[in-house]
Amino acid sequence: MAIDPRGAAMLGGIAAELTAARGELEALGLKLCCDPHVAAAHFDCLQGLDRIAQIIGEAAGLLGRGDAVAGALAAVRLEEMRGRLADFLRAA
């Protein structure tokens, strides 16, 4: 099923918003990591921020592909996310 041009434009816009949000999240994480006390006390949480940023980036990449599902799943670099998405597709 093809996505109409306005829908594709909306997906592209959402992808751009997610990419911007990822950048802000990464900048926040970097700023927090630069404080040795914060980094030492909250290392696990900072790793969680990085993981969230990676997931946002992968989601943005998928949305930016529009309706090209073939090959999109293989392009997801995060194994756990790829597995969850594969499960979702199988259930559809």
Foldseek 3Di string as FASTA:
>chain_A
DADPPVQLVVLLVLLVVLLVVLVVLVVVLVVQCVPVVSCVVCVVVSVVSVVVSLVSNLSSVLSNVHPCPVVSLVPRPDPVVSVVVVVVVVVD
